Amino acid sequence: MFDSKFGAGIRSFLFENADNLTSARVINAITVQINEYMPFINIESLEANLVPDDNKLYITFAYSIPTLSIEDTLSLEINRF
């Protein structure tokens, strides 16, 4: 089944201004998608940083899945080009 709303649309943020507003929008987009499609995951912390000098977006996501007693952190480095 295809769901056109699935996904946070991270690509759309890669060429935005590297500022706090864009980072907040990335965090919001990820949070909305997790709450919608994976409500069993608890977001412990979520950070997004656009670094123009590196041409990268860094995302760090700490989460837990209480029903499975899982706690972990996921770190992503996404190139802007």
C-alpha atoms as a PDB file:
ATOM      1  CA  MET A   1       0.000   0.000   0.000  1.00  0.00           C
ATOM      2  CA  PHE A   2       1.397   3.394  -0.992  1.00  0.00           C
ATOM      3  CA  ASP A   3       1.041   6.239   1.496  1.00  0.00           C
ATOM      4  CA  SER A   4       1.996   9.601   0.023  1.00  0.00           C
ATOM      5  CA  LYS A   5       2.326  11.084   3.530  1.00  0.00           C
ATOM      6  CA  PHE A   6       4.929   8.537   4.655  1.00  0.00           C
ATOM      7  CA  GLY A   7       8.399   9.966   5.277  1.00  0.00           C
ATOM      8  CA  ALA A   8       9.721  13.109   6.896  1.00  0.00           C
ATOM      9  CA  GLY A   9      10.863  14.717   3.632  1.00  0.00           C
ATOM     10  CA  ILE A  10      14.423  15.288   4.816  1.00  0.00           C
ATOM     11  CA  ARG A  11      15.608  16.016   1.262  1.00  0.00           C
ATOM     12  CA  SER A  12      13.442  19.124   1.143  1.00  0.00           C
ATOM     13  CA  PHE A  13      15.414  20.596   4.064  1.00  0.00           C
ATOM     14  CA  LEU A  14      18.897  19.998   2.680  1.00  0.00           C
ATOM     15  CA  PHE A  15      19.058  23.252   0.736  1.00  0.00           C
ATOM     16  CA  GLU A  16      17.260  25.431   3.260  1.00  0.00           C
ATOM     17  CA  ASN A  17      19.100  28.095   5.243  1.00  0.00           C
ATOM     18  CA  ALA A  18      21.268  26.505   7.918  1.00  0.00           C
ATOM     19  CA  ASP A  19      19.608  28.119  10.914  1.00  0.00           C
ATOM     20  CA  ASN A  20      17.711  27.225  14.077  1.00  0.00           C
ATOM     21  CA  LEU A  21      14.346  27.505  12.345  1.00  0.00           C
ATOM     22  CA  THR A  22      15.280  24.902   9.746  1.00  0.00           C
ATOM     23  CA  SER A  23      16.656  22.578  12.431  1.00  0.00           C
ATOM     24  CA  ALA A  24      13.392  22.959  14.360  1.00  0.00           C
ATOM     25  CA  ARG A  25      11.410  22.142  11.213  1.00  0.00           C
ATOM     26  CA  VAL A  26      13.472  18.981  10.631  1.00  0.00           C
ATOM     27  CA  ILE A  27      12.885  17.886  14.234  1.00  0.00           C
ATOM     28  CA  ASN A  28       9.160  18.585  13.901  1.00  0.00           C
ATOM     29  CA  ALA A  29       8.881  16.640  10.635  1.00  0.00           C
ATOM     30  CA  ILE A  30      10.631  13.606  12.129  1.00  0.00           C
ATOM     31  CA  THR A  31       8.571  13.781  15.328  1.00  0.00           C
ATOM     32  CA  VAL A  32       5.281  13.962  13.417  1.00  0.00           C
ATOM     33  CA  GLN A  33       6.200  10.912  11.325  1.00  0.00           C
ATOM     34  CA  ILE A  34       7.304   8.843  14.314  1.00  0.00           C
ATOM     35  CA  ASN A  35       4.141   9.703  16.224  1.00  0.00           C
ATOM     36  CA  GLU A  36       1.993   8.843  13.195  1.00  0.00           C
ATOM     37  CA  TYR A  37       3.648   5.657  11.945  1.00  0.00           C
ATOM     38  CA  MET A  38       5.582   4.324  14.959  1.00  0.00           C
ATOM     39  CA  PRO A  39       3.653   5.355  18.089  1.00  0.00           C
ATOM     40  CA  PHE A  40       5.321   2.545  20.051  1.00  0.00           C
ATOM     41  CA  ILE A  41       8.613   4.490  19.963  1.00  0.00           C
ATOM     42  CA  ASN A  42       9.366   7.071  22.652  1.00  0.00           C
ATOM     43  CA  ILE A  43      11.579   9.938  21.569  1.00  0.00           C
ATOM     44  CA  GLU A  44      14.105  10.547  24.326  1.00  0.00           C
ATOM     45  CA  SER A  45      15.998  13.273  22.437  1.00  0.00           C
ATOM     46  CA  LEU A  46      16.199  14.488  18.870  1.00  0.00           C
ATOM     47  CA  GLU A  47      18.718  16.963  17.464  1.00  0.00           C
ATOM     48  CA  ALA A  48      19.191  18.245  13.928  1.00  0.00           C
ATOM     49  CA  ASN A  49      22.053  20.477  12.851  1.00  0.00           C
ATOM     50  CA  LEU A  50      22.687  21.848   9.391  1.00  0.00           C
ATOM     51  CA  VAL A  51      26.381  22.650   9.026  1.00  0.00           C
ATOM     52  CA  PRO A  52      26.957  24.735   5.885  1.00  0.00           C
ATOM     53  CA  ASP A  53      30.759  24.485   6.057  1.00  0.00           C
ATOM     54  CA  ASP A  54      30.477  20.686   5.881  1.00  0.00           C
ATOM     55  CA  ASN A  55      27.472  20.717   3.514  1.00  0.00           C
ATOM     56  CA  LYS A  56      25.838  18.203   5.833  1.00  0.00           C
ATOM     57  CA  LEU A  57      22.813  17.646   8.003  1.00  0.00           C
ATOM     58  CA  TYR A  58      23.539  15.824  11.257  1.00  0.00           C
ATOM     59  CA  ILE A  59      20.667  14.117  13.082  1.00  0.00           C
ATOM     60  CA  THR A  60      20.966  12.408  16.460  1.00  0.00           C
ATOM     61  CA  PHE A  61      17.951  10.505  17.713  1.00  0.00           C
ATOM     62  CA  ALA A  62      17.773   8.772  21.097  1.00  0.00           C
ATOM     63  CA  TYR A  63      14.738   6.561  21.501  1.00  0.00           C
ATOM     64  CA  SER A  64      13.225   3.762  23.491  1.00  0.00           C
ATOM     65  CA  ILE A  65      10.728   1.005  22.820  1.00  0.00           C
ATOM     66  CA  PRO A  66       9.328   0.181  26.259  1.00  0.00           C
ATOM     67  CA  THR A  67       7.461  -2.969  25.233  1.00  0.00           C
ATOM     68  CA  LEU A  68      10.743  -4.511  24.081  1.00  0.00           C
ATOM     69  CA  SER A  69      12.984  -2.916  26.731  1.00  0.00           C
ATOM     70  CA  ILE A  70      15.092  -1.282  24.015  1.00  0.00           C
ATOM     71  CA  GLU A  71      16.991   1.987  24.332  1.00  0.00           C
ATOM     72  CA  ASP A  72      19.306   3.173  21.584  1.00  0.00           C
ATOM     73  CA  THR A  73      20.694   6.181  19.748  1.00  0.00           C
ATOM     74  CA  LEU A  74      20.789   6.652  16.014  1.00  0.00           C
ATOM     75  CA  SER A  75      23.177   9.167  14.440  1.00  0.00           C
ATOM     76  CA  LEU A  76      22.864  10.170  10.788  1.00  0.00           C
ATOM     77  CA  GLU A  77      25.099  12.276   8.600  1.00  0.00           C
ATOM     78  CA  ILE A  78      23.399  13.394   5.383  1.00  0.00           C
ATOM     79  CA  ASN A  79      25.311  15.139   2.610  1.00  0.00           C
ATOM     80  CA  ARG A  80      23.670  18.195   1.087  1.00  0.00           C
ATOM     81  CA  PHE A  81      24.836  17.323  -2.425  1.00  0.00           C
END
